[in-house]
N, C-alpha and C. Protein backbone atom coordinates (compact mmCIF):
# COMPACT_ATOMS: atom_id res chain seq x y z
N MET A 1 0.65 -1.20 0.08
CA MET A 1 0.16 -0.05 0.03
C MET A 1 0.82 1.06 0.08
N ASN A 2 0.30 2.31 -0.59
CA ASN A 2 0.78 3.51 -1.01
C ASN A 2 0.62 4.66 -0.04
N ILE A 3 1.43 5.69 0.90
CA ILE A 3 0.73 6.14 1.56
C ILE A 3 1.21 7.30 0.89
N THR A 4 0.17 8.75 0.92
CA THR A 4 0.78 9.79 0.56
C THR A 4 0.42 11.11 1.72
N VAL A 5 1.45 12.12 2.42
CA VAL A 5 1.18 12.89 3.01
C VAL A 5 1.66 14.63 2.03
N GLU A 6 1.28 15.40 2.50
CA GLU A 6 1.36 16.91 1.95
C GLU A 6 1.44 18.04 2.54
N THR A 7 2.48 18.84 2.22
CA THR A 7 2.44 20.37 2.40
C THR A 7 2.79 21.27 1.92
N THR A 8 2.56 22.56 2.06
CA THR A 8 2.37 23.84 1.05
C THR A 8 3.21 24.81 1.63
N VAL A 9 4.43 25.02 1.37
CA VAL A 9 5.64 25.90 2.33
C VAL A 9 5.20 27.19 1.46
N LYS A 10 5.64 28.02 2.21
CA LYS A 10 5.57 29.78 1.79
C LYS A 10 6.98 30.47 1.57
N ALA A 11 7.50 30.08 0.67
CA ALA A 11 8.98 29.99 0.15
C ALA A 11 8.94 29.78 -0.96
N PRO A 12 10.47 30.28 -1.65
CA PRO A 12 10.81 29.91 -2.77
C PRO A 12 11.50 28.76 -2.96
N ILE A 13 11.15 27.96 -4.12
CA ILE A 13 11.51 26.70 -4.56
C ILE A 13 12.66 26.22 -4.24
N ALA A 14 13.59 27.08 -4.75
CA ALA A 14 15.08 26.70 -4.40
C ALA A 14 16.06 26.67 -2.90
N LYS A 15 14.82 27.69 -1.96
CA LYS A 15 14.83 27.21 -0.73
C LYS A 15 13.90 26.00 -0.33
N VAL A 16 12.86 25.59 -0.36
CA VAL A 16 12.33 24.66 0.01
C VAL A 16 13.02 23.04 -0.57
N TRP A 17 13.69 23.52 -1.69
CA TRP A 17 14.58 22.20 -2.24
C TRP A 17 15.82 21.86 -1.52
N SER A 18 16.73 23.42 -1.16
CA SER A 18 18.00 22.84 -0.31
C SER A 18 17.47 23.13 1.21
N LEU A 19 16.90 23.20 1.93
CA LEU A 19 16.68 22.63 2.86
C LEU A 19 16.29 21.40 3.11
N TYR A 20 15.68 20.55 2.45
CA TYR A 20 14.95 19.70 2.13
C TYR A 20 15.81 18.71 2.39
N ASN A 21 17.26 18.93 1.54
CA ASN A 21 18.36 18.01 0.73
C ASN A 21 19.93 18.62 1.97
N THR A 22 19.42 19.23 2.68
CA THR A 22 21.17 19.98 2.88
C THR A 22 21.21 19.17 4.78
N PRO A 23 22.08 18.53 4.66
CA PRO A 23 22.57 17.19 6.28
C PRO A 23 22.32 18.72 7.30
N GLU A 24 22.84 19.41 7.51
CA GLU A 24 22.78 20.73 8.58
C GLU A 24 21.36 20.64 8.42
N ALA A 25 20.46 20.97 7.70
CA ALA A 25 19.69 21.29 7.65
C ALA A 25 18.15 20.76 8.20
N ILE A 26 18.79 19.14 8.00
CA ILE A 26 17.66 17.99 8.00
C ILE A 26 17.68 17.69 9.24
N LYS A 27 18.75 17.98 10.53
CA LYS A 27 18.91 17.58 11.51
C LYS A 27 18.47 18.56 12.33
N GLN A 28 17.80 20.00 11.93
CA GLN A 28 17.03 20.73 12.33
C GLN A 28 15.32 20.48 12.49
N TRP A 29 15.12 19.41 11.50
CA TRP A 29 13.42 19.43 11.04
C TRP A 29 13.02 18.40 11.05
N ASN A 30 14.36 17.36 11.11
CA ASN A 30 13.82 15.97 11.01
C ASN A 30 13.32 15.12 12.27
N ALA A 31 12.08 15.40 12.47
CA ALA A 31 11.86 14.56 13.94
C ALA A 31 9.90 14.47 13.65
N ALA A 32 9.58 13.25 14.44
CA ALA A 32 8.15 13.45 14.36
C ALA A 32 7.45 14.42 15.43
N SER A 33 8.47 14.48 16.62
CA SER A 33 7.84 14.66 17.99
C SER A 33 9.12 15.75 18.92
N ASP A 34 8.98 16.21 19.40
CA ASP A 34 9.44 17.22 19.99
C ASP A 34 11.13 16.33 21.02
N ASP A 35 10.26 14.57 21.94
CA ASP A 35 11.01 14.21 22.35
C ASP A 35 12.00 13.02 20.78
N TRP A 36 12.58 13.55 20.30
CA TRP A 36 12.98 12.65 19.50
C TRP A 36 14.03 13.65 18.23
N HIS A 37 14.84 13.65 17.59
CA HIS A 37 15.95 14.58 17.23
C HIS A 37 16.78 13.70 15.82
N THR A 38 17.41 14.24 14.99
CA THR A 38 18.30 13.80 14.00
C THR A 38 19.51 14.35 14.64
N THR A 39 20.31 12.90 14.66
CA THR A 39 21.76 13.62 15.14
C THR A 39 22.83 13.45 14.51
N ALA A 40 22.41 13.24 12.83
CA ALA A 40 23.37 13.25 11.71
C ALA A 40 22.85 12.67 10.75
N SER A 41 22.97 13.62 9.87
CA SER A 41 22.77 13.57 8.72
C SER A 41 23.89 13.30 6.98
N THR A 42 23.69 12.29 6.37
CA THR A 42 24.51 12.61 5.13
C THR A 42 23.31 12.57 3.73
N VAL A 43 24.19 13.15 2.76
CA VAL A 43 23.18 13.52 1.70
C VAL A 43 24.25 13.30 0.10
N ASP A 44 23.97 12.62 -0.74
CA ASP A 44 24.85 12.54 -1.60
C ASP A 44 23.62 12.75 -2.80
N LEU A 45 23.51 14.11 -3.10
CA LEU A 45 21.71 14.00 -3.63
C LEU A 45 22.08 13.84 -5.46
N ARG A 46 22.63 13.03 -5.75
CA ARG A 46 22.36 12.08 -7.06
C ARG A 46 21.48 10.92 -7.52
N GLU A 47 21.46 10.62 -8.78
CA GLU A 47 21.02 9.72 -8.84
C GLU A 47 21.90 8.17 -8.49
N GLY A 48 21.73 7.23 -8.00
CA GLY A 48 22.61 6.47 -7.25
C GLY A 48 23.18 6.62 -5.74
N GLY A 49 23.33 8.06 -5.55
CA GLY A 49 23.79 8.58 -4.62
C GLY A 49 23.25 8.09 -2.91
N THR A 50 23.47 8.02 -1.97
CA THR A 50 22.80 7.82 -1.08
C THR A 50 22.66 8.85 -0.53
N PHE A 51 21.89 8.15 1.14
CA PHE A 51 21.47 9.03 2.24
C PHE A 51 21.40 8.67 3.49
N SER A 52 21.54 9.26 4.21
CA SER A 52 21.37 8.43 6.19
C SER A 52 20.74 9.38 6.71
N SER A 53 20.15 9.58 7.66
CA SER A 53 19.68 10.10 9.03
C SER A 53 19.82 9.44 10.25
N ARG A 54 20.23 9.22 11.34
CA ARG A 54 20.13 9.22 12.15
C ARG A 54 19.13 9.53 13.50
N MET A 55 18.24 8.73 13.67
CA MET A 55 17.28 9.49 14.58
C MET A 55 16.75 8.93 15.81
N GLU A 56 17.15 9.48 16.75
CA GLU A 56 16.72 8.65 18.40
C GLU A 56 16.34 9.63 19.26
N ALA A 57 15.76 9.01 19.91
CA ALA A 57 15.15 9.46 20.81
C ALA A 57 16.22 10.31 21.90
N LYS A 58 15.31 11.68 22.61
CA LYS A 58 16.04 12.62 22.87
C LYS A 58 16.53 11.88 24.57
N ASP A 59 15.84 11.09 25.28
CA ASP A 59 16.29 10.44 26.19
C ASP A 59 17.34 9.48 26.01
N GLY A 60 17.82 8.95 24.70
CA GLY A 60 18.62 7.93 24.31
C GLY A 60 18.05 6.41 24.64
N SER A 61 16.87 6.61 24.63
CA SER A 61 15.90 5.38 25.05
C SER A 61 16.31 4.29 23.67
N MET A 62 16.16 4.90 22.38
CA MET A 62 15.99 4.35 21.19
C MET A 62 16.88 5.25 19.97
N GLY A 63 16.99 4.46 19.12
CA GLY A 63 17.16 5.01 18.02
C GLY A 63 17.15 4.18 16.44
N PHE A 64 17.26 4.78 15.35
CA PHE A 64 17.35 3.92 14.03
C PHE A 64 18.34 4.85 12.70
N ASP A 65 18.52 4.16 12.32
CA ASP A 65 18.92 5.28 11.07
C ASP A 65 17.95 4.79 9.58
N PHE A 66 17.54 5.99 9.34
CA PHE A 66 16.78 5.76 7.97
C PHE A 66 17.84 6.40 6.79
N ALA A 67 17.95 5.38 5.79
CA ALA A 67 18.99 5.55 4.69
C ALA A 67 18.31 4.54 3.53
N GLY A 68 19.06 5.00 2.42
CA GLY A 68 18.57 4.76 1.13
C GLY A 68 19.42 5.29 0.07
N THR A 69 18.58 5.30 -1.30
CA THR A 69 19.62 5.00 -2.20
C THR A 69 18.92 6.29 -3.11
N PHE A 70 18.80 7.52 -3.70
CA PHE A 70 18.02 7.86 -4.50
C PHE A 70 18.29 7.12 -6.33
N THR A 71 16.89 7.31 -6.40
CA THR A 71 16.99 6.32 -8.02
C THR A 71 16.47 7.45 -9.16
N LYS A 72 15.92 8.71 -8.93
CA LYS A 72 15.93 9.95 -9.84
C LYS A 72 15.88 11.24 -8.83
N ILE A 73 16.49 12.41 -9.80
CA ILE A 73 16.53 13.31 -8.98
C ILE A 73 15.85 14.37 -10.58
N VAL A 74 15.27 15.20 -10.35
CA VAL A 74 14.93 16.29 -11.23
C VAL A 74 14.64 17.66 -10.60
N GLU A 75 16.29 18.34 -10.31
CA GLU A 75 16.26 19.39 -9.59
C GLU A 75 15.08 20.46 -9.35
N HIS A 76 14.76 20.54 -7.99
CA HIS A 76 13.65 21.58 -8.10
C HIS A 76 12.09 20.90 -8.20
N GLU A 77 11.77 19.72 -8.50
CA GLU A 77 11.07 18.87 -9.37
C GLU A 77 10.73 17.58 -8.20
N LEU A 78 11.54 16.50 -8.47
CA LEU A 78 11.33 15.48 -7.73
C LEU A 78 12.46 14.84 -7.39
N ILE A 79 12.10 13.44 -6.30
CA ILE A 79 13.35 13.13 -5.71
C ILE A 79 12.23 11.67 -5.30
N GLU A 80 13.57 10.20 -6.12
CA GLU A 80 12.74 9.27 -5.89
C GLU A 80 14.17 8.37 -5.10
N TYR A 81 13.46 7.71 -4.56
CA TYR A 81 14.70 6.91 -3.98
C TYR A 81 13.70 5.35 -3.46
N SER A 82 15.08 4.68 -2.84
CA SER A 82 14.47 3.31 -2.58
C SER A 82 15.03 3.39 -1.00
N PHE A 83 14.31 2.58 -0.18
CA PHE A 83 15.11 2.35 1.05
C PHE A 83 14.58 0.79 1.72
N GLY A 84 15.37 0.16 1.89
CA GLY A 84 15.05 -1.34 1.98
C GLY A 84 14.55 -1.73 0.65
N ASP A 85 13.08 -2.25 0.83
CA ASP A 85 12.74 -3.19 -0.27
C ASP A 85 11.15 -1.81 -0.37
N ARG A 86 11.33 -1.07 0.09
CA ARG A 86 10.39 0.15 -0.16
C ARG A 86 10.66 1.24 -1.29
N LYS A 87 10.02 1.94 -1.78
CA LYS A 87 9.81 3.23 -2.10
C LYS A 87 9.48 4.36 -1.87
N ALA A 88 9.97 5.66 -2.34
CA ALA A 88 9.19 6.93 -1.77
C ALA A 88 9.46 7.99 -3.06
N THR A 89 8.51 8.63 -3.29
CA THR A 89 8.64 9.65 -4.35
C THR A 89 8.15 11.02 -3.51
N ILE A 90 9.24 12.09 -3.80
CA ILE A 90 8.50 13.84 -3.26
C ILE A 90 8.64 14.68 -4.34
N ASN A 91 7.24 15.03 -4.54
CA ASN A 91 6.95 16.33 -5.41
C ASN A 91 7.65 17.46 -5.27
N PHE A 92 7.94 18.48 -5.66
CA PHE A 92 8.14 19.69 -5.39
C PHE A 92 6.65 20.58 -6.62
N SER A 93 6.28 20.90 -6.11
CA SER A 93 5.31 21.95 -7.35
C SER A 93 5.43 23.50 -6.81
N ASN A 94 5.36 24.39 -7.81
CA ASN A 94 5.27 25.96 -7.21
C ASN A 94 3.65 25.98 -7.44
N THR A 95 2.53 26.74 -6.44
CA THR A 95 1.83 26.95 -6.35
C THR A 95 1.44 28.53 -6.30
N PRO A 96 0.14 28.66 -6.53
CA PRO A 96 -0.22 30.34 -5.91
C PRO A 96 0.33 30.09 -4.33
N ALA A 97 0.02 29.49 -3.69
CA ALA A 97 0.23 29.39 -2.36
C ALA A 97 1.40 29.18 -1.84
N GLY A 98 2.30 28.62 -2.53
CA GLY A 98 3.59 28.39 -1.93
C GLY A 98 3.88 27.41 -2.82
N VAL A 99 5.08 26.45 -2.33
CA VAL A 99 5.64 25.17 -2.93
C VAL A 99 5.04 24.04 -1.96
N LYS A 100 4.37 23.28 -3.24
CA LYS A 100 3.62 21.95 -2.65
C LYS A 100 4.52 21.02 -2.52
N VAL A 101 4.56 20.23 -1.33
CA VAL A 101 5.58 19.15 -0.87
C VAL A 101 4.62 17.89 -1.05
N THR A 102 4.78 17.25 -2.37
CA THR A 102 3.75 15.64 -1.69
C THR A 102 4.74 14.59 -1.92
N VAL A 103 4.92 13.71 -0.65
CA VAL A 103 5.63 12.50 -0.33
C VAL A 103 4.76 11.38 -0.37
N ALA A 104 4.93 10.67 -1.14
CA ALA A 104 4.00 9.12 -1.45
C ALA A 104 5.50 8.14 -0.92
N PHE A 105 5.15 7.27 -0.20
CA PHE A 105 5.77 6.30 0.45
C PHE A 105 4.98 4.63 0.25
N ASP A 106 5.93 4.07 -0.03
CA ASP A 106 5.07 2.44 0.26
C ASP A 106 5.19 2.13 1.89
N ALA A 107 3.92 1.76 2.47
CA ALA A 107 3.85 1.84 3.93
C ALA A 107 4.81 0.27 4.23
N GLU A 108 4.92 0.57 5.24
CA GLU A 108 5.58 -0.79 6.07
C GLU A 108 4.64 -1.71 7.00
N SER A 109 5.12 -2.93 7.45
CA SER A 109 3.72 -3.91 7.94
C SER A 109 4.02 -3.91 9.50
N THR A 110 4.67 -3.07 9.82
CA THR A 110 4.99 -3.09 11.81
C THR A 110 4.05 -2.33 12.61
N SER A 111 3.85 -0.94 11.66
CA SER A 111 2.93 0.01 12.40
C SER A 111 1.91 -0.14 11.49
N SER A 112 0.89 0.79 11.90
CA SER A 112 -0.58 0.79 11.13
C SER A 112 -0.32 1.87 10.37
N ILE A 113 -1.30 1.78 9.59
CA ILE A 113 -1.22 2.81 7.96
C ILE A 113 -1.66 4.18 8.99
N GLU A 114 -2.18 4.33 9.60
CA GLU A 114 -2.61 5.78 10.50
C GLU A 114 -1.47 6.26 10.97
N GLN A 115 -0.48 5.30 11.79
CA GLN A 115 0.82 5.95 12.75
C GLN A 115 1.69 6.07 11.60
N GLN A 116 1.93 5.41 10.27
CA GLN A 116 2.94 5.64 9.49
C GLN A 116 2.27 7.31 8.59
N GLN A 117 1.53 7.12 8.36
CA GLN A 117 0.75 8.47 7.52
C GLN A 117 0.56 9.78 8.80
N GLN A 118 0.88 9.25 10.00
CA GLN A 118 0.88 10.61 11.64
C GLN A 118 2.59 10.90 11.55
N GLY A 119 3.25 9.92 11.37
CA GLY A 119 4.72 10.03 11.76
C GLY A 119 5.21 10.65 10.19
N TRP A 120 4.58 10.67 9.36
CA TRP A 120 5.64 11.00 8.16
C TRP A 120 4.70 12.51 8.25
N GLN A 121 3.64 12.78 8.38
CA GLN A 121 2.82 14.06 8.43
C GLN A 121 3.71 14.96 9.43
N ALA A 122 3.85 14.20 10.44
CA ALA A 122 4.28 15.12 11.61
C ALA A 122 5.70 15.85 11.08
N ILE A 123 6.35 15.02 10.58
CA ILE A 123 7.91 15.12 10.12
C ILE A 123 7.71 16.19 8.98
N LEU A 124 6.79 16.26 7.84
CA LEU A 124 6.78 17.52 6.81
C LEU A 124 5.96 18.64 7.27
N ASN A 125 5.24 18.68 8.37
CA ASN A 125 4.88 19.88 9.35
C ASN A 125 6.25 20.65 10.04
N ARG A 126 6.89 19.64 10.74
CA ARG A 126 7.87 20.63 11.07
C ARG A 126 8.70 21.37 10.00
N PHE A 127 9.13 20.51 9.14
CA PHE A 127 9.92 21.04 7.57
C PHE A 127 9.62 22.00 7.53
N THR A 128 8.20 22.22 6.97
CA THR A 128 7.44 23.36 6.79
C THR A 128 7.50 24.60 8.09
N ARG A 129 7.09 24.21 8.78
CA ARG A 129 7.72 25.39 9.95
C ARG A 129 8.88 25.66 10.31
N TYR A 130 10.12 25.31 9.70
CA TYR A 130 11.68 25.22 10.25
C TYR A 130 11.67 26.12 8.46
N VAL A 131 11.12 25.53 7.59
CA VAL A 131 11.53 26.49 5.95
C VAL A 131 11.04 27.73 6.59
N GLU A 132 9.70 28.00 6.75
CA GLU A 132 9.28 29.39 6.63
C GLU A 132 9.78 30.11 8.05
N THR A 133 10.61 29.82 8.62
CA THR A 133 11.09 30.44 9.78
C THR A 133 12.81 31.23 9.84
N ALA A 134 13.17 29.52 8.60
CA ALA A 134 14.73 30.07 8.73
C ALA A 134 15.13 31.36 7.78
N GLN A 135 16.50 31.54 8.20
CA GLN A 135 16.90 33.14 7.50
C GLN A 135 17.61 32.95 6.60
């Protein structure tokens, strides 16, 4: 099953793209809740390049690496990647209200569809707030 989340960011496309793909920026916004954070991030933004983000509970009780390989990149428009046996697509499109960011990803079988959708949407909402307030 495929799950989709989306947001509209009130910022120029170049800023949205850059902050979505820059390791230092990713560490600022990539968490589903305030009790988690991303402690490390790498991005080799090219087809065949890899990415990795280390996500950890702030109390140190748990953590995991979210990593994958980019399969298609169209600057300021599209990112496709694989992670394990799953795939995700991120579309960036200019609209009168701002840049619409749509993330579609293959669901996993451990967590409910609702939990996965809520978690990915929470991260995307944090991204929006970060971009709109970043200088």
